C-alpha atoms as a PDB file:
ATOM      1  CA  MET A   1     -20.704  14.989 -10.936  1.00  0.00           C
ATOM      2  CA  ILE A   2     -17.730  13.156  -9.465  1.00  0.00           C
ATOM      3  CA  GLU A   3     -15.465  15.236 -11.733  1.00  0.00           C
ATOM      4  CA  LEU A   4     -16.778  18.401 -10.088  1.00  0.00           C
ATOM      5  CA  PHE A   5     -16.000  17.148  -6.606  1.00  0.00           C
ATOM      6  CA  GLN A   6     -12.560  15.901  -7.662  1.00  0.00           C
ATOM      7  CA  ALA A   7     -11.794  19.373  -9.065  1.00  0.00           C
ATOM      8  CA  ILE A   8     -12.963  21.088  -5.865  1.00  0.00           C
ATOM      9  CA  VAL A   9     -11.015  18.732  -3.582  1.00  0.00           C
ATOM     10  CA  THR A  10      -7.890  19.118  -5.735  1.00  0.00           C
ATOM     11  CA  ALA A  11      -8.171  22.935  -5.739  1.00  0.00           C
ATOM     12  CA  TYR A  12      -8.654  22.910  -1.965  1.00  0.00           C
ATOM     13  CA  ARG A  13      -5.681  20.604  -1.323  1.00  0.00           C
ATOM     14  CA  THR A  14      -3.473  22.686  -3.620  1.00  0.00           C
ATOM     15  CA  GLY A  15      -4.490  26.045  -2.146  1.00  0.00           C
ATOM     16  CA  MET A  16      -4.580  25.004   1.494  1.00  0.00           C
ATOM     17  CA  SER A  17      -1.763  22.438   1.648  1.00  0.00           C
ATOM     18  CA  HIS A  18      -3.683  20.020   3.832  1.00  0.00           C
ATOM     19  CA  SER A  19      -6.080  17.105   3.454  1.00  0.00           C
ATOM     20  CA  ALA A  20      -9.555  17.220   1.958  1.00  0.00           C
ATOM     21  CA  TRP A  21     -12.051  14.484   1.140  1.00  0.00           C
ATOM     22  CA  TYR A  22     -15.347  14.135  -0.659  1.00  0.00           C
ATOM     23  CA  GLY A  23     -18.216  12.783   1.440  1.00  0.00           C
ATOM     24  CA  GLU A  24     -16.448  12.011   4.695  1.00  0.00           C
ATOM     25  CA  ALA A  25     -12.945  12.156   6.124  1.00  0.00           C
ATOM     26  CA  GLU A  26     -10.809   9.129   6.806  1.00  0.00           C
ATOM     27  CA  GLN A  27     -11.299   7.693  10.281  1.00  0.00           C
ATOM     28  CA  SER A  28      -7.712   8.595  11.207  1.00  0.00           C
ATOM     29  CA  ALA A  29      -7.958  12.211   9.983  1.00  0.00           C
ATOM     30  CA  THR A  30      -6.471  14.845  12.248  1.00  0.00           C
ATOM     31  CA  PRO A  31      -7.058  18.585  11.848  1.00  0.00           C
ATOM     32  CA  PRO A  32      -6.567  20.586   9.778  1.00  0.00           C
ATOM     33  CA  TYR A  33      -8.685  19.002   7.035  1.00  0.00           C
ATOM     34  CA  ALA A  34     -11.860  19.596   5.041  1.00  0.00           C
ATOM     35  CA  VAL A  35     -14.818  17.566   3.840  1.00  0.00           C
ATOM     36  CA  VAL A  36     -16.640  18.518   0.628  1.00  0.00           C
ATOM     37  CA  SER A  37     -20.208  17.305   0.208  1.00  0.00           C
ATOM     38  CA  SER A  38     -23.186  17.771  -2.057  1.00  0.00           C
ATOM     39  CA  VAL A  39     -26.172  19.528  -0.501  1.00  0.00           C
ATOM     40  CA  ALA A  40     -28.543  19.557  -3.500  1.00  0.00           C
ATOM     41  CA  VAL A  41     -28.470  18.747  -7.187  1.00  0.00           C
ATOM     42  CA  ILE A  42     -31.094  20.105  -9.562  1.00  0.00           C
ATOM     43  CA  PRO A  43     -31.833  17.664 -12.400  1.00  0.00           C
ATOM     44  CA  GLU A  44     -30.031  18.131 -15.696  1.00  0.00           C
ATOM     45  CA  ASP A  45     -31.754  19.821 -18.631  1.00  0.00           C
ATOM     46  CA  ILE A  46     -34.225  21.670 -16.424  1.00  0.00           C
ATOM     47  CA  PHE A  47     -36.282  24.026 -18.594  1.00  0.00           C
ATOM     48  CA  SER A  48     -34.459  22.555 -21.619  1.00  0.00           C
ATOM     49  CA  THR A  49     -31.150  24.169 -20.716  1.00  0.00           C
ATOM     50  CA  LYS A  50     -27.884  22.315 -20.525  1.00  0.00           C
ATOM     51  CA  ILE A  51     -26.823  23.627 -17.150  1.00  0.00           C
ATOM     52  CA  ASP A  52     -26.414  21.665 -13.934  1.00  0.00           C
ATOM     53  CA  ASP A  53     -27.026  23.504 -10.687  1.00  0.00           C
ATOM     54  CA  VAL A  54     -25.270  21.952  -7.664  1.00  0.00           C
ATOM     55  CA  SER A  55     -25.043  23.213  -4.082  1.00  0.00           C
ATOM     56  CA  ILE A  56     -21.934  22.103  -2.227  1.00  0.00           C
ATOM     57  CA  GLN A  57     -20.712  22.531   1.312  1.00  0.00           C
ATOM     58  CA  ILE A  58     -17.125  22.583   2.561  1.00  0.00           C
ATOM     59  CA  ASN A  59     -16.674  21.768   6.256  1.00  0.00           C
ATOM     60  CA  ILE A  60     -13.295  22.946   7.529  1.00  0.00           C
ATOM     61  CA  TYR A  61     -11.888  21.384  10.697  1.00  0.00           C
ATOM     62  CA  ASP A  62      -9.017  22.681  12.817  1.00  0.00           C
ATOM     63  CA  VAL A  63      -7.707  22.628  16.383  1.00  0.00           C
ATOM     64  CA  SER A  64      -8.511  26.234  17.381  1.00  0.00           C
ATOM     65  CA  SER A  65     -11.027  28.902  16.491  1.00  0.00           C
ATOM     66  CA  THR A  66      -8.263  31.276  15.353  1.00  0.00           C
ATOM     67  CA  SER A  67      -6.752  28.819  12.888  1.00  0.00           C
ATOM     68  CA  CYS A  68     -10.224  27.751  11.754  1.00  0.00           C
ATOM     69  CA  PHE A  69     -11.133  31.399  10.982  1.00  0.00           C
ATOM     70  CA  ALA A  70      -7.870  31.729   9.009  1.00  0.00           C
ATOM     71  CA  LYS A  71      -8.615  28.588   6.990  1.00  0.00           C
ATOM     72  CA  LEU A  72     -12.182  29.788   6.345  1.00  0.00           C
ATOM     73  CA  ALA A  73     -10.832  33.080   4.960  1.00  0.00           C
ATOM     74  CA  ALA A  74      -8.281  31.241   2.806  1.00  0.00           C
ATOM     75  CA  CYS A  75     -10.985  28.897   1.481  1.00  0.00           C
ATOM     76  CA  LYS A  76     -13.137  31.868   0.481  1.00  0.00           C
ATOM     77  CA  THR A  77     -10.132  33.368  -1.317  1.00  0.00           C
ATOM     78  CA  ILE A  78      -9.626  30.140  -3.288  1.00  0.00           C
ATOM     79  CA  PHE A  79     -13.249  29.606  -4.333  1.00  0.00           C
ATOM     80  CA  ASP A  80     -15.119  32.937  -4.335  1.00  0.00           C
ATOM     81  CA  LYS A  81     -16.185  33.788  -7.893  1.00  0.00           C
ATOM     82  CA  THR A  82     -13.898  31.073  -9.234  1.00  0.00           C
ATOM     83  CA  THR A  83     -14.136  29.190 -12.500  1.00  0.00           C
ATOM     84  CA  LEU A  84     -12.898  25.591 -12.431  1.00  0.00           C
ATOM     85  CA  ALA A  85     -12.086  23.313 -15.342  1.00  0.00           C
ATOM     86  CA  VAL A  86     -14.065  20.068 -15.341  1.00  0.00           C
ATOM     87  CA  THR A  87     -13.695  17.608 -18.231  1.00  0.00           C
ATOM     88  CA  SER A  88     -17.385  17.067 -19.010  1.00  0.00           C
ATOM     89  CA  HIS A  89     -18.348  20.755 -18.785  1.00  0.00           C
ATOM     90  CA  TYR A  90     -17.290  24.029 -20.416  1.00  0.00           C
ATOM     91  CA  ALA A  91     -17.101  25.949 -17.174  1.00  0.00           C
ATOM     92  CA  VAL A  92     -17.876  25.604 -13.510  1.00  0.00           C
ATOM     93  CA  ILE A  93     -18.713  28.859 -11.776  1.00  0.00           C
ATOM     94  CA  LEU A  94     -18.774  28.914  -7.978  1.00  0.00           C
ATOM     95  CA  LYS A  95     -20.770  31.504  -6.053  1.00  0.00           C
ATOM     96  CA  ARG A  96     -20.597  31.635  -2.256  1.00  0.00           C
ATOM     97  CA  GLU A  97     -24.003  31.400  -0.592  1.00  0.00           C
ATOM     98  CA  LEU A  98     -23.340  30.411   3.012  1.00  0.00           C
ATOM     99  CA  VAL A  99     -20.744  30.957   5.727  1.00  0.00           C
ATOM    100  CA  VAL A 100     -20.943  29.596   9.253  1.00  0.00           C
ATOM    101  CA  ALA A 101     -18.322  30.917  11.672  1.00  0.00           C
ATOM    102  CA  PRO A 102     -16.236  28.322  13.537  1.00  0.00           C
ATOM    103  CA  ILE A 103     -17.975  26.381  16.279  1.00  0.00           C
ATOM    104  CA  GLN A 104     -16.557  23.694  18.527  1.00  0.00           C
ATOM    105  CA  ASP A 105     -17.859  20.198  17.871  1.00  0.00           C
ATOM    106  CA  GLY A 106     -18.080  17.288  20.318  1.00  0.00           C
ATOM    107  CA  ASP A 107     -14.575  16.017  19.539  1.00  0.00           C
ATOM    108  CA  ASN A 108     -12.856  19.242  20.662  1.00  0.00           C
ATOM    109  CA  LYS A 109     -12.291  20.259  17.045  1.00  0.00           C
ATOM    110  CA  TRP A 110     -13.404  23.537  15.538  1.00  0.00           C
ATOM    111  CA  MET A 111     -15.524  23.482  12.404  1.00  0.00           C
ATOM    112  CA  ALA A 112     -16.404  26.244   9.937  1.00  0.00           C
ATOM    113  CA  VAL A 113     -18.731  25.831   6.972  1.00  0.00           C
ATOM    114  CA  VAL A 114     -18.803  27.542   3.606  1.00  0.00           C
ATOM    115  CA  GLY A 115     -21.407  26.759   0.958  1.00  0.00           C
ATOM    116  CA  TYR A 116     -21.292  27.395  -2.770  1.00  0.00           C
ATOM    117  CA  ASN A 117     -23.708  27.198  -5.654  1.00  0.00           C
ATOM    118  CA  CYS A 118     -22.008  25.639  -8.692  1.00  0.00           C
ATOM    119  CA  LEU A 119     -23.317  26.229 -12.193  1.00  0.00           C
ATOM    120  CA  LEU A 120     -21.963  23.808 -14.782  1.00  0.00           C
ATOM    121  CA  GLN A 121     -22.447  24.282 -18.508  1.00  0.00           C
ATOM    122  CA  LYS A 122     -22.308  20.942 -20.286  1.00  0.00           C
ATOM    123  CA  THR A 123     -20.153  20.324 -23.318  1.00  0.00           C
END
């Protein structure tokens, strides 16, 4: 699964031109940045198929609600109905399932959330 998250973080960094991490951000991170995390993983070979089903969440952080909305829209453009290349799988298809509009967190940063369901067909 780490290959999936590396592909998502790389696509995000390339498309957005700012930092992204898997799991949690560096302690010294300053907005704008994103954190990609796994929400749920359905076991491999369920019902004898060779498809992995993974739910991921991308938390986007920025300094204002306006810029956070813009980054949320750009993120959706990058990943909506996208197919990524991952070494151990034929194809990774991302389907958006969740969007949470920007809210202000306790550190005076704004955070938006977008969630995707990833279907991976194994090689």
